[in-house]
Amino acid sequence: MNRRRRRRLAAFKTVVYAVLGLFFLLPIAAMVEFATRGVGLSSPRTLTAFTSIGSDPELVDAITASLELAVLTSVGMLALLLPTMIWVRLRLPRMARPVELVCLTPLTVPAIVLVVGFAPLYQWIEINVSDSILTLTFAYLILVLPYCYRALDAGLSAVDIRILSEAARSLGASWGTVMWRIIVPNMSSAVSNACLLCVAVVLGEFTVANLLNFENLQVAISILGTGNASVSIALAVLSLILVFFFLLILSFLGRALSRRRGAARA
């Protein structure tokens, strides 16, 4: 009976993975097929749409800006949210609910409403500080708060940080050492998951950048689609591959840190 159940479970997993694989891969395959079409029906396949992306300086600038925004938002999110959550759990447990409410509030506000609030602020920033697209980091920090908060909260719940902090403090460690050398290494998987979500949200964001008149990767794809559909689809395929590549790197990095932590414990 156990063997039959295992076989049925294995067959069920195979079917589910196959269906999910087709669900995700078929649209990408259709996009690749469209982007590699020739001019006529009998013309051979061509990679002109893909090779022309690197020759367009505006597209290169949009891709670079999106990558820089992803890095800056991830770093800013960790610098802002992680110490706050750890400090609240250790020293101000009564503030846990208010902090959670503040972090989850952006989920209840539509992006178009957020842009209405961002617009006057970004007008002031453009006039008095800078008109760089990297200033979108402040808006993206608000957008990623709910997702990253949940990922970090799950990691903190899995670790008894109070006992770890008390043990480290009794040995003479400072609060900075407790936070960055004791607690954070024990929740490395949660940190990597938060970065995964942050990168995915930033690289796929369109509404805020478009309405605030900034050109990131998704806005560039939208603008390009009105004049050159094949290059637009090729850029969309490359953006999907780029996001998958970054998520894969962050996933392997989180696993490596978890294995190193387990080896240190052993």
Protein backbone atom coordinates (compact mmCIF):
# COMPACT_ATOMS: atom_id res chain seq x y z
CA MET A 1 0.00 0.00 0.00
CA ASN A 2 2.84 2.37 0.80
CA ARG A 3 4.48 1.68 -2.56
CA ARG A 4 1.21 2.26 -4.38
CA ARG A 5 0.66 5.51 -2.56
CA ARG A 6 4.18 6.63 -3.32
CA ARG A 7 3.75 5.77 -7.00
CA ARG A 8 0.44 7.60 -7.16
CA LEU A 9 1.93 10.59 -5.39
CA ALA A 10 4.93 10.58 -7.74
CA ALA A 11 2.63 10.34 -10.77
CA PHE A 12 0.47 13.15 -9.43
CA LYS A 13 3.53 15.36 -8.88
CA THR A 14 4.74 14.61 -12.40
CA VAL A 15 1.40 15.56 -13.90
CA VAL A 16 1.21 18.77 -11.84
CA TYR A 17 4.76 19.79 -12.77
CA ALA A 18 4.09 19.03 -16.45
CA VAL A 19 0.88 21.10 -16.46
CA LEU A 20 2.56 24.00 -14.67
CA GLY A 21 5.54 23.79 -17.01
CA LEU A 22 3.31 23.95 -20.07
CA PHE A 23 1.32 26.78 -18.52
CA PHE A 24 4.45 28.90 -18.09
CA LEU A 25 6.55 27.74 -21.05
CA LEU A 26 3.97 27.81 -23.84
CA PRO A 27 3.45 31.61 -23.69
CA ILE A 28 7.21 32.15 -23.60
CA ALA A 29 7.65 29.79 -26.55
CA ALA A 30 4.96 31.71 -28.45
CA MET A 31 6.75 34.99 -27.67
CA VAL A 32 10.06 33.59 -28.93
CA GLU A 33 8.35 32.31 -32.08
CA PHE A 34 6.84 35.74 -32.76
CA ALA A 35 10.08 37.62 -32.07
CA THR A 36 12.10 35.39 -34.43
CA ARG A 37 9.71 35.54 -37.39
CA GLY A 38 11.02 36.78 -40.69
CA VAL A 39 9.38 39.33 -42.94
CA GLY A 40 7.63 36.85 -45.22
CA LEU A 41 5.95 33.52 -44.58
CA SER A 42 8.76 31.55 -46.20
CA SER A 43 11.64 33.58 -44.77
CA PRO A 44 13.94 31.90 -42.23
CA ARG A 45 14.04 32.64 -38.54
CA THR A 46 16.07 35.63 -37.48
CA LEU A 47 17.48 36.99 -34.22
CA THR A 48 17.46 40.59 -35.41
CA ALA A 49 14.90 41.59 -32.78
CA PHE A 50 17.16 40.30 -30.00
CA THR A 51 20.43 41.67 -31.36
CA SER A 52 18.95 45.13 -31.96
CA ILE A 53 18.22 45.59 -28.24
CA GLY A 54 21.86 46.23 -27.36
CA SER A 55 22.21 48.82 -30.11
CA ASP A 56 19.43 51.03 -28.74
CA PRO A 57 20.87 53.29 -26.01
CA GLU A 58 17.41 54.10 -24.59
CA LEU A 59 16.64 50.42 -24.04
CA VAL A 60 20.04 49.85 -22.47
CA ASP A 61 19.46 52.80 -20.14
CA ALA A 62 16.01 51.46 -19.17
CA ILE A 63 17.40 47.99 -18.40
CA THR A 64 20.29 49.46 -16.41
CA ALA A 65 17.94 51.73 -14.46
CA SER A 66 15.64 48.82 -13.54
CA LEU A 67 18.58 46.75 -12.32
CA GLU A 68 19.90 49.65 -10.26
CA LEU A 69 16.44 50.23 -8.79
CA ALA A 70 16.18 46.54 -7.86
CA VAL A 71 19.52 46.65 -6.04
CA LEU A 72 18.87 49.97 -4.29
CA THR A 73 15.37 48.94 -3.23
CA SER A 74 16.59 45.61 -1.84
CA VAL A 75 19.37 47.27 0.14
CA GLY A 76 17.10 50.04 1.38
CA MET A 77 14.39 47.56 2.36
CA LEU A 78 16.82 45.47 4.42
CA ALA A 79 18.39 48.55 6.03
CA LEU A 80 15.00 49.99 6.95
CA LEU A 81 12.83 46.99 7.75
CA LEU A 82 15.14 44.36 9.24
CA PRO A 83 16.59 46.39 12.16
CA THR A 84 13.14 47.82 12.91
CA MET A 85 11.48 44.40 13.11
CA ILE A 86 14.27 42.94 15.23
CA TRP A 87 14.24 45.91 17.62
CA VAL A 88 10.46 45.80 17.95
CA ARG A 89 10.51 42.09 18.80
CA LEU A 90 13.28 42.51 21.34
CA ARG A 91 12.50 45.82 23.01
CA LEU A 92 9.03 47.01 21.96
CA PRO A 93 6.73 43.98 21.57
CA ARG A 94 3.64 46.16 22.02
CA MET A 95 4.50 47.96 18.80
CA ALA A 96 4.43 44.75 16.74
CA ARG A 97 0.78 45.18 15.67
CA PRO A 98 1.09 48.88 14.70
CA VAL A 99 4.26 48.16 12.70
CA GLU A 100 2.54 45.26 10.94
CA LEU A 101 -0.45 47.48 10.12
CA VAL A 102 1.79 50.18 8.66
CA CYS A 103 3.75 47.68 6.56
CA LEU A 104 0.65 45.94 5.19
CA THR A 105 -1.27 49.14 4.40
CA PRO A 106 0.15 49.50 0.83
CA LEU A 107 -1.66 46.27 -0.09
CA THR A 108 -5.01 47.98 0.50
CA VAL A 109 -4.19 51.07 -1.57
CA PRO A 110 -4.34 50.80 -5.39
CA ALA A 111 -1.23 51.83 -7.28
CA ILE A 112 -3.05 54.65 -9.04
CA VAL A 113 -4.01 56.14 -5.65
CA LEU A 114 -0.41 55.88 -4.46
CA VAL A 115 0.72 57.76 -7.55
CA VAL A 116 -1.71 60.59 -6.75
CA GLY A 117 0.06 60.93 -3.41
CA PHE A 118 3.53 60.52 -4.92
CA ALA A 119 3.06 63.12 -7.67
CA PRO A 120 3.43 66.34 -5.56
CA LEU A 121 6.33 64.81 -3.65
CA TYR A 122 8.17 63.86 -6.83
CA GLN A 123 7.56 67.28 -8.33
CA TRP A 124 9.34 68.79 -5.33
CA ILE A 125 12.13 66.18 -5.54
CA GLU A 126 12.60 66.84 -9.27
CA ILE A 127 12.92 70.58 -8.70
CA ASN A 128 14.99 70.64 -5.51
CA VAL A 129 16.90 67.35 -5.39
CA SER A 130 17.17 65.33 -8.61
CA ASP A 131 15.17 64.20 -11.62
CA SER A 132 16.94 60.82 -11.80
CA ILE A 133 14.87 57.68 -12.20
CA LEU A 134 16.70 56.28 -9.16
CA THR A 135 14.50 58.47 -6.97
CA LEU A 136 11.81 55.86 -7.65
CA THR A 137 13.55 53.86 -4.93
CA PHE A 138 11.50 55.72 -2.31
CA ALA A 139 8.22 54.78 -3.99
CA TYR A 140 9.31 51.18 -4.54
CA LEU A 141 10.25 50.84 -0.86
CA ILE A 142 6.59 51.45 -0.05
CA LEU A 143 5.40 48.99 -2.70
CA VAL A 144 7.58 46.12 -1.47
CA LEU A 145 6.93 46.65 2.25
CA PRO A 146 4.01 44.17 2.60
CA TYR A 147 5.73 41.32 0.77
CA CYS A 148 9.12 41.74 2.42
CA TYR A 149 7.54 42.20 5.85
CA ARG A 150 5.78 38.84 5.61
CA ALA A 151 8.97 37.07 4.48
CA LEU A 152 11.07 38.57 7.28
CA ASP A 153 8.32 38.03 9.86
CA ALA A 154 8.24 34.32 9.01
CA GLY A 155 12.01 34.12 9.46
CA LEU A 156 11.93 35.92 12.79
CA SER A 157 9.10 33.68 14.03
CA ALA A 158 11.19 30.58 13.28
CA VAL A 159 14.10 31.81 15.43
CA ASP A 160 14.02 32.54 19.16
CA ILE A 161 15.82 35.84 18.86
CA ARG A 162 15.23 36.75 22.50
CA ILE A 163 17.30 33.82 23.80
CA LEU A 164 19.99 34.42 21.16
CA SER A 165 20.23 38.11 22.03
CA GLU A 166 20.33 37.49 25.78
CA ALA A 167 23.08 34.88 25.37
CA ALA A 168 25.12 37.18 23.14
CA ARG A 169 24.63 40.18 25.44
CA SER A 170 25.71 38.13 28.46
CA LEU A 171 28.97 37.41 26.63
CA GLY A 172 29.56 41.13 26.05
CA ALA A 173 28.30 41.55 22.49
CA SER A 174 26.95 44.95 21.47
CA TRP A 175 23.47 45.39 20.00
CA GLY A 176 24.97 45.83 16.54
CA THR A 177 26.85 42.55 16.88
CA VAL A 178 23.73 40.79 18.16
CA MET A 179 21.68 42.05 15.22
CA TRP A 180 24.07 41.55 12.29
CA ARG A 181 26.25 38.64 13.46
CA ILE A 182 23.85 36.57 15.55
CA ILE A 183 20.25 37.09 14.45
CA VAL A 184 20.59 37.86 10.74
CA PRO A 185 22.75 34.79 9.89
CA ASN A 186 20.13 32.58 11.57
CA MET A 187 17.40 33.91 9.25
CA SER A 188 19.39 34.06 6.01
CA SER A 189 16.73 32.17 4.07
CA ALA A 190 14.09 34.74 5.07
CA VAL A 191 16.40 37.58 4.02
CA SER A 192 17.01 35.96 0.63
CA ASN A 193 13.25 35.39 0.17
CA ALA A 194 12.58 39.06 0.93
CA CYS A 195 15.18 40.05 -1.65
CA LEU A 196 13.59 37.66 -4.16
CA LEU A 197 10.22 39.34 -3.73
CA CYS A 198 11.77 42.79 -3.87
CA VAL A 199 13.59 42.11 -7.15
CA ALA A 200 10.50 40.53 -8.71
CA VAL A 201 8.27 43.49 -7.78
CA VAL A 202 10.72 46.16 -8.93
CA LEU A 203 11.60 44.55 -12.27
CA GLY A 204 7.93 43.97 -13.05
CA GLU A 205 6.58 47.37 -11.95
CA PHE A 206 4.91 49.53 -14.60
CA THR A 207 2.13 51.74 -13.19
CA VAL A 208 4.08 54.00 -10.84
CA ALA A 209 6.97 54.58 -13.24
CA ASN A 210 4.68 55.26 -16.19
CA LEU A 211 2.39 57.71 -14.37
CA LEU A 212 5.35 59.56 -12.85
CA ASN A 213 6.94 59.87 -16.34
CA PHE A 214 9.94 57.65 -15.69
CA GLU A 215 11.12 55.04 -18.19
CA ASN A 216 12.06 51.75 -16.60
CA LEU A 217 12.17 48.33 -18.26
CA GLN A 218 8.42 47.73 -18.36
CA VAL A 219 7.65 51.24 -19.58
CA ALA A 220 10.26 50.83 -22.33
CA ILE A 221 8.60 47.57 -23.41
CA SER A 222 5.21 49.28 -23.54
CA ILE A 223 6.48 52.25 -25.57
CA LEU A 224 8.42 50.02 -27.93
CA GLY A 225 5.38 47.83 -28.54
CA THR A 226 3.56 50.69 -30.27
CA GLY A 227 6.21 50.93 -33.00
CA ASN A 228 8.14 47.66 -33.17
CA ALA A 229 6.25 44.69 -31.79
CA SER A 230 8.93 42.07 -32.49
CA VAL A 231 11.64 43.97 -30.59
CA SER A 232 9.17 44.65 -27.77
CA ILE A 233 8.38 40.94 -27.44
CA ALA A 234 12.08 40.07 -27.60
CA LEU A 235 12.78 42.53 -24.80
CA ALA A 236 9.93 41.04 -22.76
CA VAL A 237 11.45 37.57 -23.19
CA LEU A 238 14.85 38.85 -22.12
CA SER A 239 13.29 40.56 -19.10
CA LEU A 240 11.68 37.27 -18.03
CA ILE A 241 15.00 35.48 -18.42
CA LEU A 242 16.74 38.26 -16.50
CA VAL A 243 14.27 38.07 -13.61
CA PHE A 244 14.56 34.27 -13.53
CA PHE A 245 18.36 34.55 -13.52
CA PHE A 246 18.41 36.96 -10.58
CA LEU A 247 15.87 34.91 -8.64
CA LEU A 248 17.96 31.79 -9.25
CA ILE A 249 21.11 33.51 -7.98
CA LEU A 250 19.36 34.76 -4.84
CA SER A 251 17.82 31.33 -4.24
CA PHE A 252 21.19 29.56 -4.48
CA LEU A 253 22.75 32.23 -2.28
CA GLY A 254 20.10 31.66 0.40
CA ARG A 255 20.62 27.89 0.26
CA ALA A 256 24.38 28.28 0.50
CA LEU A 257 24.04 30.50 3.56
CA SER A 258 21.65 28.01 5.17
CA ARG A 259 24.05 25.12 4.54
CA ARG A 260 26.97 27.10 5.91
CA ARG A 261 24.93 27.93 9.02
CA GLY A 262 24.01 24.26 9.48
CA ALA A 263 27.65 23.20 9.11
CA ALA A 264 28.70 25.80 11.68
CA ARG A 265 26.12 24.45 14.13
CA ALA A 266 27.32 20.88 13.59
